[in-house]
Amino acid sequence: MEDPTEQSLWRPLHELLGRLDAEIGQIYTDRDIKGLKPTYVRELLQLHLKGPMTITELADAIGRTHSALSQKVAAMRTAGLVRTVPGADARSKQVTLTAKSKKLVELLAAEWRATEAALAELEAEVPYPMTQVVRDVEEALARKSFHDRIAEKLQ
């Protein structure tokens, strides 16, 4: 069997996004911030702006699944960025910012705005903006899902 992973249309996009995230992460490293990942910023800002939330509320606020957010909250808790306290009933937990993350929210908001400005600058340099690519792909996927496209190829 030949290695099917030698050719990939997916890998360059995945690697590009990884490089961009790594460069955002370097901003935190430059400031000696331990445990913070670019993928945590949206959740931390939501908690800062809206106050403590259950994992379900936080997942709904950012459009992720409860399972995905539960795992992320556990990682952020380990990094000392959030803590969980019992919620209104025994089944729920409230996610709150720690003192460490409260000190970071102004930097996180500034970094978010700077990242958006850098992306706008980057888009101005390329003939086909990434945001347009995303819109076009979303429209194509609305016509036929990625799942259906893959399943069709497996038949």
C-alpha atoms as a PDB file:
ATOM      1  CA  MET A   1       0.000   0.000   0.000  1.00  0.00           C
ATOM      2  CA  GLU A   2       1.259   3.478  -0.866  1.00  0.00           C
ATOM      3  CA  ASP A   3       1.205   6.126   1.847  1.00  0.00           C
ATOM      4  CA  PRO A   4      -1.948   8.181   1.128  1.00  0.00           C
ATOM      5  CA  THR A   5      -0.728  10.960   3.429  1.00  0.00           C
ATOM      6  CA  GLU A   6       2.130  11.863   1.073  1.00  0.00           C
ATOM      7  CA  GLN A   7      -0.291  14.007  -0.920  1.00  0.00           C
ATOM      8  CA  SER A   8      -2.540  16.386   0.950  1.00  0.00           C
ATOM      9  CA  LEU A   9      -4.670  19.367   0.070  1.00  0.00           C
ATOM     10  CA  TRP A  10      -5.572  19.653   3.747  1.00  0.00           C
ATOM     11  CA  ARG A  11      -2.088  19.741   5.281  1.00  0.00           C
ATOM     12  CA  PRO A  12      -0.934  23.155   3.930  1.00  0.00           C
ATOM     13  CA  LEU A  13      -4.031  24.868   5.347  1.00  0.00           C
ATOM     14  CA  HIS A  14      -3.721  23.044   8.660  1.00  0.00           C
ATOM     15  CA  GLU A  15      -0.013  23.915   8.877  1.00  0.00           C
ATOM     16  CA  LEU A  16      -0.669  27.571   7.984  1.00  0.00           C
ATOM     17  CA  LEU A  17      -3.231  27.899  10.765  1.00  0.00           C
ATOM     18  CA  GLY A  18      -0.805  26.181  13.140  1.00  0.00           C
ATOM     19  CA  ARG A  19       1.971  28.632  12.221  1.00  0.00           C
ATOM     20  CA  LEU A  20      -0.328  31.614  12.751  1.00  0.00           C
ATOM     21  CA  ASP A  21      -1.410  30.284  16.158  1.00  0.00           C
ATOM     22  CA  ALA A  22       2.235  29.628  17.080  1.00  0.00           C
ATOM     23  CA  GLU A  23       3.138  33.215  16.225  1.00  0.00           C
ATOM     24  CA  ILE A  24       0.277  34.509  18.370  1.00  0.00           C
ATOM     25  CA  GLY A  25       1.540  32.200  21.129  1.00  0.00           C
ATOM     26  CA  GLN A  26       4.978  33.776  20.753  1.00  0.00           C
ATOM     27  CA  ILE A  27       3.420  37.093  21.820  1.00  0.00           C
ATOM     28  CA  TYR A  28       2.566  35.449  25.156  1.00  0.00           C
ATOM     29  CA  THR A  29       6.001  33.839  25.441  1.00  0.00           C
ATOM     30  CA  ASP A  30       7.616  37.233  24.766  1.00  0.00           C
ATOM     31  CA  ARG A  31       5.691  38.543  27.784  1.00  0.00           C
ATOM     32  CA  ASP A  32       6.551  35.510  29.926  1.00  0.00           C
ATOM     33  CA  ILE A  33       2.917  34.413  30.234  1.00  0.00           C
ATOM     34  CA  LYS A  34       2.817  30.734  31.120  1.00  0.00           C
ATOM     35  CA  GLY A  35       0.016  28.359  30.161  1.00  0.00           C
ATOM     36  CA  LEU A  36      -1.864  30.712  27.840  1.00  0.00           C
ATOM     37  CA  LYS A  37      -2.737  29.428  24.373  1.00  0.00           C
ATOM     38  CA  PRO A  38      -4.319  31.424  21.550  1.00  0.00           C
ATOM     39  CA  THR A  39      -7.239  29.001  21.594  1.00  0.00           C
ATOM     40  CA  TYR A  40      -8.150  30.121  25.138  1.00  0.00           C
ATOM     41  CA  VAL A  41      -8.483  33.837  24.436  1.00  0.00           C
ATOM     42  CA  ARG A  42     -12.056  33.944  23.185  1.00  0.00           C
ATOM     43  CA  GLU A  43     -13.332  32.008  26.204  1.00  0.00           C
ATOM     44  CA  LEU A  44     -11.355  34.152  28.651  1.00  0.00           C
ATOM     45  CA  LEU A  45     -12.670  37.350  27.090  1.00  0.00           C
ATOM     46  CA  GLN A  46     -16.235  36.027  27.174  1.00  0.00           C
ATOM     47  CA  LEU A  47     -15.879  35.208  30.863  1.00  0.00           C
ATOM     48  CA  HIS A  48     -14.446  38.655  31.524  1.00  0.00           C
ATOM     49  CA  LEU A  49     -17.229  40.427  29.619  1.00  0.00           C
ATOM     50  CA  LYS A  50     -20.187  38.295  30.716  1.00  0.00           C
ATOM     51  CA  GLY A  51     -19.069  37.044  34.109  1.00  0.00           C
ATOM     52  CA  PRO A  52     -19.098  33.484  35.425  1.00  0.00           C
ATOM     53  CA  MET A  53     -20.886  30.988  33.209  1.00  0.00           C
ATOM     54  CA  THR A  54     -21.606  27.308  33.224  1.00  0.00           C
ATOM     55  CA  ILE A  55     -19.697  25.220  30.721  1.00  0.00           C
ATOM     56  CA  THR A  56     -22.930  24.909  28.717  1.00  0.00           C
ATOM     57  CA  GLU A  57     -23.422  28.684  28.678  1.00  0.00           C
ATOM     58  CA  LEU A  58     -19.814  29.253  27.652  1.00  0.00           C
ATOM     59  CA  ALA A  59     -20.078  26.615  24.928  1.00  0.00           C
ATOM     60  CA  ASP A  60     -23.243  28.269  23.610  1.00  0.00           C
ATOM     61  CA  ALA A  61     -21.622  31.718  23.736  1.00  0.00           C
ATOM     62  CA  ILE A  62     -18.795  30.662  21.446  1.00  0.00           C
ATOM     63  CA  GLY A  63     -20.598  28.035  19.366  1.00  0.00           C
ATOM     64  CA  ARG A  64     -18.810  24.900  20.569  1.00  0.00           C
ATOM     65  CA  THR A  65     -20.004  21.643  22.050  1.00  0.00           C
ATOM     66  CA  HIS A  66     -20.257  21.070  25.782  1.00  0.00           C
ATOM     67  CA  SER A  67     -17.749  18.211  25.481  1.00  0.00           C
ATOM     68  CA  ALA A  68     -15.173  20.373  23.663  1.00  0.00           C
ATOM     69  CA  LEU A  69     -15.555  23.194  26.176  1.00  0.00           C
ATOM     70  CA  SER A  70     -15.388  20.850  29.133  1.00  0.00           C
ATOM     71  CA  GLN A  71     -11.991  19.612  27.926  1.00  0.00           C
ATOM     72  CA  LYS A  72     -10.787  23.152  27.247  1.00  0.00           C
ATOM     73  CA  VAL A  73     -11.942  24.391  30.647  1.00  0.00           C
ATOM     74  CA  ALA A  74     -10.041  21.524  32.282  1.00  0.00           C
ATOM     75  CA  ALA A  75      -6.876  22.566  30.413  1.00  0.00           C
ATOM     76  CA  MET A  76      -7.387  26.232  31.292  1.00  0.00           C
ATOM     77  CA  ARG A  77      -7.937  25.245  34.931  1.00  0.00           C
ATOM     78  CA  THR A  78      -4.651  23.298  34.892  1.00  0.00           C
ATOM     79  CA  ALA A  79      -2.944  26.410  33.451  1.00  0.00           C
ATOM     80  CA  GLY A  80      -4.342  28.478  36.325  1.00  0.00           C
ATOM     81  CA  LEU A  81      -6.513  30.654  34.074  1.00  0.00           C
ATOM     82  CA  VAL A  82      -9.966  29.624  35.295  1.00  0.00           C
ATOM     83  CA  ARG A  83     -11.479  27.878  38.239  1.00  0.00           C
ATOM     84  CA  THR A  84     -14.738  26.026  38.567  1.00  0.00           C
ATOM     85  CA  VAL A  85     -17.142  26.315  41.462  1.00  0.00           C
ATOM     86  CA  PRO A  86     -20.400  24.481  42.086  1.00  0.00           C
ATOM     87  CA  GLY A  87     -23.306  25.858  40.098  1.00  0.00           C
ATOM     88  CA  ALA A  88     -26.972  26.276  40.938  1.00  0.00           C
ATOM     89  CA  ASP A  89     -27.417  22.502  41.058  1.00  0.00           C
ATOM     90  CA  ALA A  90     -25.096  19.570  41.686  1.00  0.00           C
ATOM     91  CA  ARG A  91     -24.721  18.836  37.969  1.00  0.00           C
ATOM     92  CA  SER A  92     -23.458  22.229  36.870  1.00  0.00           C
ATOM     93  CA  LYS A  93     -20.248  24.131  37.459  1.00  0.00           C
ATOM     94  CA  GLN A  94     -19.623  27.839  37.108  1.00  0.00           C
ATOM     95  CA  VAL A  95     -16.440  28.783  35.293  1.00  0.00           C
ATOM     96  CA  THR A  96     -14.750  31.927  36.603  1.00  0.00           C
ATOM     97  CA  LEU A  97     -11.548  33.780  35.859  1.00  0.00           C
ATOM     98  CA  THR A  98      -8.633  33.495  38.249  1.00  0.00           C
ATOM     99  CA  ALA A  99      -6.609  36.458  39.484  1.00  0.00           C
ATOM    100  CA  LYS A 100      -3.948  35.469  36.928  1.00  0.00           C
ATOM    101  CA  SER A 101      -6.322  35.711  33.971  1.00  0.00           C
ATOM    102  CA  LYS A 102      -8.012  38.868  35.288  1.00  0.00           C
ATOM    103  CA  LYS A 103      -4.606  40.557  35.035  1.00  0.00           C
ATOM    104  CA  LEU A 104      -4.341  39.434  31.396  1.00  0.00           C
ATOM    105  CA  VAL A 105      -7.710  40.446  29.935  1.00  0.00           C
ATOM    106  CA  GLU A 106      -6.633  43.914  28.779  1.00  0.00           C
ATOM    107  CA  LEU A 107      -3.630  42.398  26.998  1.00  0.00           C
ATOM    108  CA  LEU A 108      -5.847  39.672  25.502  1.00  0.00           C
ATOM    109  CA  ALA A 109      -8.316  42.222  24.166  1.00  0.00           C
ATOM    110  CA  ALA A 110      -5.453  44.303  22.726  1.00  0.00           C
ATOM    111  CA  GLU A 111      -3.868  41.201  21.187  1.00  0.00           C
ATOM    112  CA  TRP A 112      -7.228  40.208  19.647  1.00  0.00           C
ATOM    113  CA  ARG A 113      -7.570  43.651  18.047  1.00  0.00           C
ATOM    114  CA  ALA A 114      -3.924  43.609  16.896  1.00  0.00           C
ATOM    115  CA  THR A 115      -4.380  40.135  15.408  1.00  0.00           C
ATOM    116  CA  GLU A 116      -7.474  41.273  13.515  1.00  0.00           C
ATOM    117  CA  ALA A 117      -5.568  44.317  12.203  1.00  0.00           C
ATOM    118  CA  ALA A 118      -2.632  42.126  11.154  1.00  0.00           C
ATOM    119  CA  LEU A 119      -5.016  39.765   9.330  1.00  0.00           C
ATOM    120  CA  ALA A 120      -6.651  42.712   7.540  1.00  0.00           C
ATOM    121  CA  GLU A 121      -3.190  43.898   6.497  1.00  0.00           C
ATOM    122  CA  LEU A 122      -2.302  40.406   5.291  1.00  0.00           C
ATOM    123  CA  GLU A 123      -5.551  40.129   3.356  1.00  0.00           C
ATOM    124  CA  ALA A 124      -4.760  43.383   1.582  1.00  0.00           C
ATOM    125  CA  GLU A 125      -1.533  41.816   0.302  1.00  0.00           C
ATOM    126  CA  VAL A 126      -3.085  38.742  -1.302  1.00  0.00           C
ATOM    127  CA  PRO A 127      -5.273  38.718  -4.408  1.00  0.00           C
ATOM    128  CA  TYR A 128      -8.005  36.555  -2.863  1.00  0.00           C
ATOM    129  CA  PRO A 129      -8.690  37.349   0.802  1.00  0.00           C
ATOM    130  CA  MET A 130      -8.910  34.495   3.315  1.00  0.00           C
ATOM    131  CA  THR A 131     -12.274  35.753   4.534  1.00  0.00           C
ATOM    132  CA  GLN A 132     -13.629  35.412   0.997  1.00  0.00           C
ATOM    133  CA  VAL A 133     -12.212  31.890   0.766  1.00  0.00           C
ATOM    134  CA  VAL A 134     -14.010  30.996   3.995  1.00  0.00           C
ATOM    135  CA  ARG A 135     -17.303  32.483   2.764  1.00  0.00           C
ATOM    136  CA  ASP A 136     -16.997  30.639  -0.542  1.00  0.00           C
ATOM    137  CA  VAL A 137     -16.201  27.323   1.158  1.00  0.00           C
ATOM    138  CA  GLU A 138     -19.099  27.809   3.600  1.00  0.00           C
ATOM    139  CA  GLU A 139     -21.464  28.397   0.668  1.00  0.00           C
ATOM    140  CA  ALA A 140     -20.214  25.248  -1.086  1.00  0.00           C
ATOM    141  CA  LEU A 141     -20.610  23.243   2.138  1.00  0.00           C
ATOM    142  CA  ALA A 142     -24.161  24.562   2.523  1.00  0.00           C
ATOM    143  CA  ARG A 143     -24.907  22.949  -0.836  1.00  0.00           C
ATOM    144  CA  LYS A 144     -23.244  19.645   0.176  1.00  0.00           C
ATOM    145  CA  SER A 145     -21.632  18.919   3.541  1.00  0.00           C
ATOM    146  CA  PHE A 146     -18.025  17.826   3.908  1.00  0.00           C
ATOM    147  CA  HIS A 147     -19.300  14.618   5.518  1.00  0.00           C
ATOM    148  CA  ASP A 148     -21.459  13.848   2.488  1.00  0.00           C
ATOM    149  CA  ARG A 149     -18.586  14.593   0.117  1.00  0.00           C
ATOM    150  CA  ILE A 150     -16.279  12.189   1.990  1.00  0.00           C
ATOM    151  CA  ALA A 151     -18.936   9.490   2.348  1.00  0.00           C
ATOM    152  CA  GLU A 152     -19.677   9.731  -1.365  1.00  0.00           C
ATOM    153  CA  LYS A 153     -15.998   9.158  -2.198  1.00  0.00           C
ATOM    154  CA  LEU A 154     -15.912   6.092   0.075  1.00  0.00           C
ATOM    155  CA  GLN A 155     -18.720   4.350  -1.838  1.00  0.00           C
END
